[in-house]
Amino acid sequence: MKKAVEKPFPNSDLLDWYDRTARELPWRESANPYRIWLSEIILQQTRVDQGLPYYERFVEEFPTVKHLANASEDAVLKLWEGLGYYSRARNLHFTAKYISGELNGEFPPEHKGLLALKGVGPYTAAAIGSIAFNLPVAAVDGNVYRVLARYFGIEESIDETPAKRAIAELAQQVLSTDKPGDHNQAMMELGALICLPKNADCASCPLQNSCVANRLGIQDQLPVRTKKVKVRDRFFYYTVYVNGDEIAVNRREEGDIWAGLYEFPLVESDKRLEESEILEAIGVKRNWQVTEVSDEFKHILSHQRIYCRFVVVKLTSMRDDKLTWLPKRELRSFAFPRLINRFLEKSDLVINREVSNI
């Protein structure tokens, strides 16, 4: 499909609305590319109210890209703890080191250079480029797909390539080349605050007079989506080995959720296990003292449901040196998945363990 803008887009109305109503957010206070990049990475798959405290902590801890580059990966993951999608944090750290080392601490001022940065896709490159460097490139995220699908009355599924491509082309056509950064932020703000997935506030929308969906009363039917997310069930059984004042941990490897974070030794099953089956699966030995088998914890990710139980084992003889042992008091210094933090919050294994609400 191919669409063209048949009449002038109400850019002045959009920008006037944005000037009057834009939320005061710290990354909007300047055109600093580091802070804009940081905010955009944090806000991928994350609501503003969730991401804001993380942004503030990162800026306080790592005020420049060089500070971030000089940090350890453990420190970055710990500060990111609870925000999810941890590949973002690892890409953030990798890119900071690249910019600091290979680019002398300067962000590329052109779209192609921004797009080459690890963890930066077309939307993020357009957002950084337009806001920090005034590049006339439209930033198209889920909010913008929704706004423009309704505005132009696009009834094809935005899950499919033809509609996605058409909307991206329309976004570029209607972009204000004088103020591309403000325009992109206004479109995203409109989708976040007014043109909501459900119960859109059309009466407050600066585009209402020329919006096809509003005129036809079909805003609740657009955008059209045809794909459904397949959710996979997983069953995790953690063994919490305790030896005096130490607890055994592993670091998760690449290629699965939570890569780079710490966890307890894990047995994964393809089905839910009863308590006796759990003990058999983890291989309980004669010198083990099982002090707790937890209730089941449920953790929801975008494509996975994780059901988990923890078996606390007090070792009564020499510990297994094939495992990594940490003093209990040091656990809070390492980044764990929220699922494990929830267990630690309920247990008495670690005192004053800080647990994110995210």
Protein backbone atom coordinates (compact mmCIF):
# COMPACT_ATOMS: atom_id res chain seq x y z
CA MET A 1 0.00 0.00 0.00
CA LYS A 2 1.08 3.58 -0.58
CA LYS A 3 -0.47 6.75 0.76
CA ALA A 4 0.31 10.40 0.22
CA VAL A 5 -0.59 13.48 2.23
CA GLU A 6 -3.44 15.08 0.29
CA LYS A 7 -3.83 18.22 2.38
CA PRO A 8 -1.55 20.20 4.70
CA PHE A 9 -0.87 18.52 8.01
CA PRO A 10 -1.76 20.81 10.99
CA ASN A 11 1.83 21.13 12.22
CA SER A 12 1.28 24.55 13.79
CA ASP A 13 -1.66 23.23 15.83
CA LEU A 14 0.41 20.22 16.91
CA LEU A 15 3.43 22.31 17.94
CA ASP A 16 1.26 24.91 19.71
CA TRP A 17 -0.39 22.11 21.67
CA TYR A 18 2.99 20.64 22.56
CA ASP A 19 4.33 24.01 23.71
CA ARG A 20 1.32 24.44 26.02
CA THR A 21 1.00 20.96 27.44
CA ALA A 22 4.33 19.11 27.21
CA ARG A 23 5.36 17.33 30.38
CA GLU A 24 8.39 18.74 32.15
CA LEU A 25 10.93 15.94 31.87
CA PRO A 26 14.63 16.30 32.71
CA TRP A 27 15.93 15.07 29.34
CA ARG A 28 13.93 17.82 27.62
CA GLU A 29 15.88 20.53 29.41
CA SER A 30 18.74 20.52 26.88
CA ALA A 31 19.86 19.06 23.57
CA ASN A 32 22.62 17.02 25.25
CA PRO A 33 22.88 13.90 23.04
CA TYR A 34 24.14 11.72 25.90
CA ARG A 35 21.11 12.47 28.04
CA ILE A 36 18.70 12.14 25.14
CA TRP A 37 20.25 8.79 24.17
CA LEU A 38 20.15 7.61 27.78
CA SER A 39 16.48 8.55 28.13
CA GLU A 40 15.52 6.90 24.85
CA ILE A 41 17.22 3.61 25.76
CA ILE A 42 15.62 3.59 29.21
CA LEU A 43 12.18 4.35 27.77
CA GLN A 44 12.26 1.49 25.26
CA GLN A 45 9.51 -0.90 26.45
CA THR A 46 9.14 1.24 29.60
CA ARG A 47 6.61 3.86 30.71
CA VAL A 48 7.87 7.34 31.55
CA ASP A 49 6.83 7.07 35.22
CA GLN A 50 8.80 3.83 35.51
CA GLY A 51 11.85 5.06 33.64
CA LEU A 52 12.21 8.51 35.20
CA PRO A 53 13.81 7.42 38.52
CA TYR A 54 16.24 5.18 36.61
CA TYR A 55 17.21 8.07 34.35
CA GLU A 56 17.82 10.29 37.35
CA ARG A 57 19.96 7.64 39.05
CA PHE A 58 22.01 7.05 35.91
CA VAL A 59 22.65 10.76 35.39
CA GLU A 60 23.69 11.15 39.01
CA GLU A 61 25.99 8.10 38.91
CA PHE A 62 27.25 8.57 35.34
CA PRO A 63 26.92 12.28 34.40
CA THR A 64 28.76 11.86 31.07
CA VAL A 65 29.24 9.12 28.51
CA LYS A 66 32.84 8.73 29.71
CA HIS A 67 31.69 8.08 33.28
CA LEU A 68 29.37 5.38 31.97
CA ALA A 69 32.11 3.91 29.78
CA ASN A 70 34.49 3.66 32.74
CA ALA A 71 31.96 1.79 34.91
CA SER A 72 31.96 -1.98 35.26
CA GLU A 73 29.20 -4.00 33.63
CA ASP A 74 28.16 -5.21 37.09
CA ALA A 75 27.71 -1.60 38.22
CA VAL A 76 25.58 -0.77 35.17
CA LEU A 77 23.42 -3.89 35.57
CA LYS A 78 22.97 -3.20 39.27
CA LEU A 79 21.72 0.33 38.56
CA TRP A 80 19.42 -1.10 35.87
CA GLU A 81 18.11 -3.81 38.20
CA GLY A 82 14.33 -4.13 38.04
CA LEU A 83 13.87 -2.32 34.73
CA GLY A 84 13.87 -5.47 32.62
CA TYR A 85 15.07 -6.11 29.05
CA TYR A 86 18.63 -6.23 30.33
CA SER A 87 20.16 -6.34 26.86
CA ARG A 88 19.43 -2.60 26.83
CA ALA A 89 21.80 -2.08 29.75
CA ARG A 90 24.55 -4.18 28.19
CA ASN A 91 24.17 -2.37 24.85
CA LEU A 92 24.16 0.96 26.70
CA HIS A 93 27.48 0.11 28.34
CA PHE A 94 28.99 -1.25 25.11
CA THR A 95 28.00 1.86 23.16
CA ALA A 96 29.28 4.20 25.87
CA LYS A 97 32.68 2.50 25.69
CA TYR A 98 32.64 2.73 21.89
CA ILE A 99 31.74 6.43 21.88
CA SER A 100 34.25 7.24 24.60
CA GLY A 101 37.08 5.23 23.05
CA GLU A 102 36.53 5.32 19.30
CA LEU A 103 34.65 8.61 18.87
CA ASN A 104 36.47 10.69 21.50
CA GLY A 105 33.33 10.98 23.59
CA GLU A 106 31.29 12.61 20.82
CA PHE A 107 28.01 11.25 19.48
CA PRO A 108 27.74 10.98 15.67
CA PRO A 109 25.86 14.06 14.42
CA GLU A 110 24.40 12.30 11.38
CA HIS A 111 21.60 9.73 11.14
CA LYS A 112 23.73 7.00 9.57
CA GLY A 113 26.30 7.26 12.36
CA LEU A 114 23.65 7.12 15.08
CA LEU A 115 22.02 4.12 13.43
CA ALA A 116 25.35 2.28 13.54
CA LEU A 117 25.48 2.42 17.36
CA LYS A 118 24.68 -0.85 19.10
CA GLY A 119 21.19 -0.86 20.59
CA VAL A 120 20.06 2.09 18.45
CA GLY A 121 17.38 1.31 15.87
CA PRO A 122 15.65 3.59 13.35
CA TYR A 123 13.27 5.13 15.89
CA THR A 124 15.94 5.84 18.51
CA ALA A 125 18.37 7.21 15.91
CA ALA A 126 15.66 9.54 14.59
CA ALA A 127 14.73 10.70 18.08
CA ILE A 128 18.33 11.45 19.09
CA GLY A 129 19.19 13.01 15.74
CA SER A 130 16.16 15.28 15.54
CA ILE A 131 16.27 16.44 19.17
CA ALA A 132 20.04 16.77 19.64
CA PHE A 133 21.15 17.68 16.10
CA ASN A 134 17.97 19.00 14.43
CA LEU A 135 18.08 16.27 11.78
CA PRO A 136 14.85 16.12 9.72
CA VAL A 137 14.13 12.43 10.28
CA ALA A 138 10.75 11.24 11.57
CA ALA A 139 10.79 9.10 14.71
CA VAL A 140 8.14 6.39 14.38
CA ASP A 141 7.28 4.30 17.44
CA GLY A 142 4.10 2.56 18.53
CA ASN A 143 2.52 5.86 19.56
CA VAL A 144 3.18 7.41 16.16
CA TYR A 145 1.89 4.35 14.30
CA ARG A 146 -1.36 4.68 16.26
CA VAL A 147 -1.71 8.45 15.76
CA LEU A 148 -1.09 8.32 12.01
CA ALA A 149 -3.14 5.16 11.41
CA ARG A 150 -6.09 6.99 12.94
CA TYR A 151 -5.35 10.36 11.38
CA PHE A 152 -5.15 8.94 7.84
CA GLY A 153 -7.73 6.19 8.41
CA ILE A 154 -5.37 3.32 7.60
CA GLU A 155 -7.33 0.08 7.90
CA GLU A 156 -4.51 -2.33 6.97
CA SER A 157 -2.78 -4.16 9.81
CA ILE A 158 0.15 -2.24 11.24
CA ASP A 159 1.71 -5.60 12.10
CA GLU A 160 2.39 -6.08 8.39
CA THR A 161 5.25 -4.53 6.44
CA PRO A 162 3.18 -2.60 3.81
CA ALA A 163 1.25 -0.61 6.43
CA LYS A 164 4.36 -0.04 8.54
CA ARG A 165 6.25 1.26 5.53
CA ALA A 166 3.35 3.48 4.47
CA ILE A 167 3.03 5.04 7.92
CA ALA A 168 6.79 5.62 8.12
CA GLU A 169 6.63 7.41 4.76
CA LEU A 170 3.67 9.51 5.91
CA ALA A 171 5.49 10.40 9.12
CA GLN A 172 8.40 11.70 7.06
CA GLN A 173 6.08 13.66 4.76
CA VAL A 174 4.30 15.46 7.62
CA LEU A 175 7.47 16.14 9.63
CA SER A 176 8.13 19.78 10.46
CA THR A 177 11.56 20.34 8.94
CA ASP A 178 11.95 23.59 10.89
CA LYS A 179 11.48 21.91 14.26
CA PRO A 180 11.92 18.16 13.74
CA GLY A 181 12.82 17.50 17.36
CA ASP A 182 9.77 19.28 18.73
CA HIS A 183 7.57 17.64 16.09
CA ASN A 184 8.78 14.14 16.95
CA GLN A 185 8.33 14.73 20.65
CA ALA A 186 4.88 16.23 20.06
CA MET A 187 3.77 13.17 18.10
CA MET A 188 5.04 10.83 20.80
CA GLU A 189 3.43 12.96 23.50
CA LEU A 190 0.14 12.96 21.63
CA GLY A 191 0.14 9.17 21.46
CA ALA A 192 1.13 8.83 25.11
CA LEU A 193 -1.39 11.29 26.57
CA ILE A 194 -4.28 11.84 24.12
CA CYS A 195 -4.45 9.31 21.29
CA LEU A 196 -4.53 6.37 23.68
CA PRO A 197 -5.05 2.74 22.61
CA LYS A 198 -8.41 2.80 24.39
CA ASN A 199 -10.63 5.77 25.29
CA ALA A 200 -8.77 8.31 23.18
CA ASP A 201 -9.41 11.91 24.28
CA CYS A 202 -10.29 13.18 20.81
CA ALA A 203 -11.87 16.38 22.16
CA SER A 204 -8.45 17.50 23.41
CA CYS A 205 -6.52 16.47 20.30
CA PRO A 206 -4.94 19.21 18.15
CA LEU A 207 -5.46 17.02 15.07
CA GLN A 208 -9.16 16.34 15.62
CA ASN A 209 -10.53 18.55 12.85
CA SER A 210 -8.75 16.64 10.07
CA CYS A 211 -8.49 13.17 11.62
CA VAL A 212 -10.26 10.51 9.54
CA ALA A 213 -10.90 8.19 12.48
CA ASN A 214 -12.40 11.00 14.54
CA ARG A 215 -14.64 12.11 11.68
CA LEU A 216 -15.90 8.56 11.08
CA GLY A 217 -16.03 7.61 14.76
CA ILE A 218 -13.75 4.60 14.27
CA GLN A 219 -10.88 5.58 16.54
CA ASP A 220 -11.48 2.52 18.74
CA GLN A 221 -11.14 0.26 15.68
CA LEU A 222 -7.76 1.63 14.61
CA PRO A 223 -5.00 0.76 14.35
CA VAL A 224 -5.70 -2.76 13.12
CA ARG A 225 -3.52 -5.54 14.51
CA THR A 226 -3.60 -9.16 13.40
CA LYS A 227 -0.69 -10.79 15.19
CA LYS A 228 -1.04 -12.20 18.69
CA VAL A 229 1.91 -12.62 21.00
CA LYS A 230 2.67 -16.26 21.77
CA VAL A 231 3.37 -16.68 25.46
CA ARG A 232 5.63 -19.51 26.61
CA ASP A 233 5.34 -21.11 30.05
CA ARG A 234 8.59 -21.94 31.86
CA PHE A 235 9.18 -23.67 35.19
CA PHE A 236 12.25 -22.66 37.21
CA TYR A 237 13.50 -24.43 40.32
CA TYR A 238 16.31 -22.66 42.16
CA THR A 239 18.52 -24.25 44.80
CA VAL A 240 19.68 -21.72 47.38
CA TYR A 241 22.81 -23.29 48.85
CA VAL A 242 23.73 -21.78 52.23
CA ASN A 243 27.09 -22.52 53.81
CA GLY A 244 27.53 -20.54 57.00
CA ASP A 245 27.43 -16.89 55.97
CA GLU A 246 27.80 -17.60 52.26
CA ILE A 247 25.35 -18.30 49.44
CA ALA A 248 26.12 -19.89 46.05
CA VAL A 249 25.31 -17.96 42.86
CA ASN A 250 25.79 -18.22 39.11
CA ARG A 251 25.84 -15.58 36.41
CA ARG A 252 23.35 -16.06 33.58
CA GLU A 253 24.83 -16.51 30.14
CA GLU A 254 23.99 -14.85 26.82
CA GLY A 255 21.16 -16.17 24.70
CA ASP A 256 18.32 -16.15 27.23
CA ILE A 257 16.45 -13.75 29.50
CA TRP A 258 18.38 -11.89 32.20
CA ALA A 259 21.78 -12.41 30.54
CA GLY A 260 24.55 -11.08 32.76
CA LEU A 261 22.44 -11.07 35.93
CA TYR A 262 23.06 -13.30 38.92
CA GLU A 263 20.87 -16.16 40.07
CA PHE A 264 21.02 -19.30 42.18
CA PRO A 265 21.81 -22.70 40.64
CA LEU A 266 18.85 -23.49 38.40
CA VAL A 267 17.00 -26.55 37.18
CA GLU A 268 14.41 -25.82 34.50
CA SER A 269 11.57 -28.23 33.79
CA ASP A 270 9.13 -28.44 30.92
CA LYS A 271 6.28 -28.89 33.39
CA ARG A 272 5.23 -27.93 36.91
CA LEU A 273 6.78 -30.26 39.50
CA GLU A 274 5.48 -31.42 42.85
CA GLU A 275 7.72 -30.92 45.89
CA SER A 276 9.05 -34.49 45.83
CA GLU A 277 9.81 -34.15 42.11
CA ILE A 278 11.63 -30.87 42.72
CA LEU A 279 13.88 -32.44 45.33
CA GLU A 280 14.58 -35.32 42.98
CA ALA A 281 15.31 -32.97 40.06
CA ILE A 282 17.86 -30.91 41.99
CA GLY A 283 19.50 -34.06 43.31
CA VAL A 284 19.22 -33.73 47.08
CA LYS A 285 22.17 -35.41 48.80
CA ARG A 286 22.61 -37.01 52.20
CA ASN A 287 24.65 -34.14 53.63
CA TRP A 288 22.04 -31.53 52.68
CA GLN A 289 19.59 -30.03 55.14
CA VAL A 290 16.56 -28.72 53.23
CA THR A 291 15.22 -25.87 55.35
CA GLU A 292 12.60 -24.46 52.97
CA VAL A 293 10.72 -25.21 49.79
CA SER A 294 9.03 -21.95 48.86
CA ASP A 295 5.56 -21.38 47.55
CA GLU A 296 5.35 -20.78 43.82
CA PHE A 297 6.29 -17.36 42.45
CA LYS A 298 4.83 -16.20 39.15
CA HIS A 299 6.66 -13.69 36.96
CA ILE A 300 5.22 -12.28 33.72
CA LEU A 301 7.40 -11.15 30.83
CA SER A 302 6.21 -9.96 27.42
CA HIS A 303 6.55 -13.41 25.82
CA GLN A 304 6.98 -15.68 28.82
CA ARG A 305 5.26 -16.73 32.03
CA ILE A 306 7.73 -18.03 34.59
CA TYR A 307 6.62 -20.22 37.49
CA CYS A 308 9.31 -20.62 40.10
CA ARG A 309 10.04 -22.23 43.46
CA PHE A 310 13.11 -21.96 45.65
CA VAL A 311 14.67 -24.77 47.68
CA VAL A 312 16.87 -23.51 50.51
CA VAL A 313 19.59 -25.99 51.41
CA LYS A 314 21.90 -25.71 54.39
CA LEU A 315 25.09 -27.60 53.73
CA THR A 316 26.32 -29.55 56.75
CA SER A 317 29.71 -30.48 55.34
CA MET A 318 32.31 -29.06 52.97
CA ARG A 319 30.85 -26.76 50.33
CA ASP A 320 31.05 -27.36 46.57
CA ASP A 321 33.87 -25.17 45.27
CA LYS A 322 32.62 -25.55 41.70
CA LEU A 323 30.03 -22.92 42.66
CA THR A 324 30.63 -19.20 43.21
CA TRP A 325 30.15 -18.29 46.86
CA LEU A 326 29.31 -14.80 48.08
CA PRO A 327 28.93 -13.48 51.62
CA LYS A 328 25.25 -12.80 52.32
CA ARG A 329 26.00 -9.15 53.09
CA GLU A 330 27.39 -8.68 49.56
CA LEU A 331 24.36 -10.02 47.67
CA ARG A 332 22.77 -6.57 47.59
CA SER A 333 25.74 -5.33 45.53
CA PHE A 334 24.90 -7.63 42.62
CA ALA A 335 22.09 -7.43 40.09
CA PHE A 336 19.46 -10.18 40.31
CA PRO A 337 16.21 -10.63 38.34
CA ARG A 338 13.21 -9.17 40.11
CA LEU A 339 11.81 -12.69 40.53
CA ILE A 340 14.74 -13.59 42.80
CA ASN A 341 14.58 -10.24 44.59
CA ARG A 342 10.95 -10.97 45.46
CA PHE A 343 12.01 -14.24 47.06
CA LEU A 344 14.86 -12.55 48.95
CA GLU A 345 12.47 -9.88 50.20
CA LYS A 346 10.28 -12.56 51.77
CA SER A 347 13.12 -14.68 53.15
CA ASP A 348 15.45 -13.98 56.06
CA LEU A 349 18.57 -14.86 54.06
CA VAL A 350 19.55 -11.26 53.39
CA ILE A 351 18.76 -8.31 55.61
CA ASN A 352 17.59 -5.02 54.07
CA ARG A 353 17.66 -6.26 50.50
CA GLU A 354 16.37 -3.42 48.31
CA VAL A 355 13.76 -4.65 45.85
CA SER A 356 12.53 -2.67 42.85
CA ASN A 357 8.81 -2.27 42.30
CA ILE A 358 9.29 -2.76 38.57
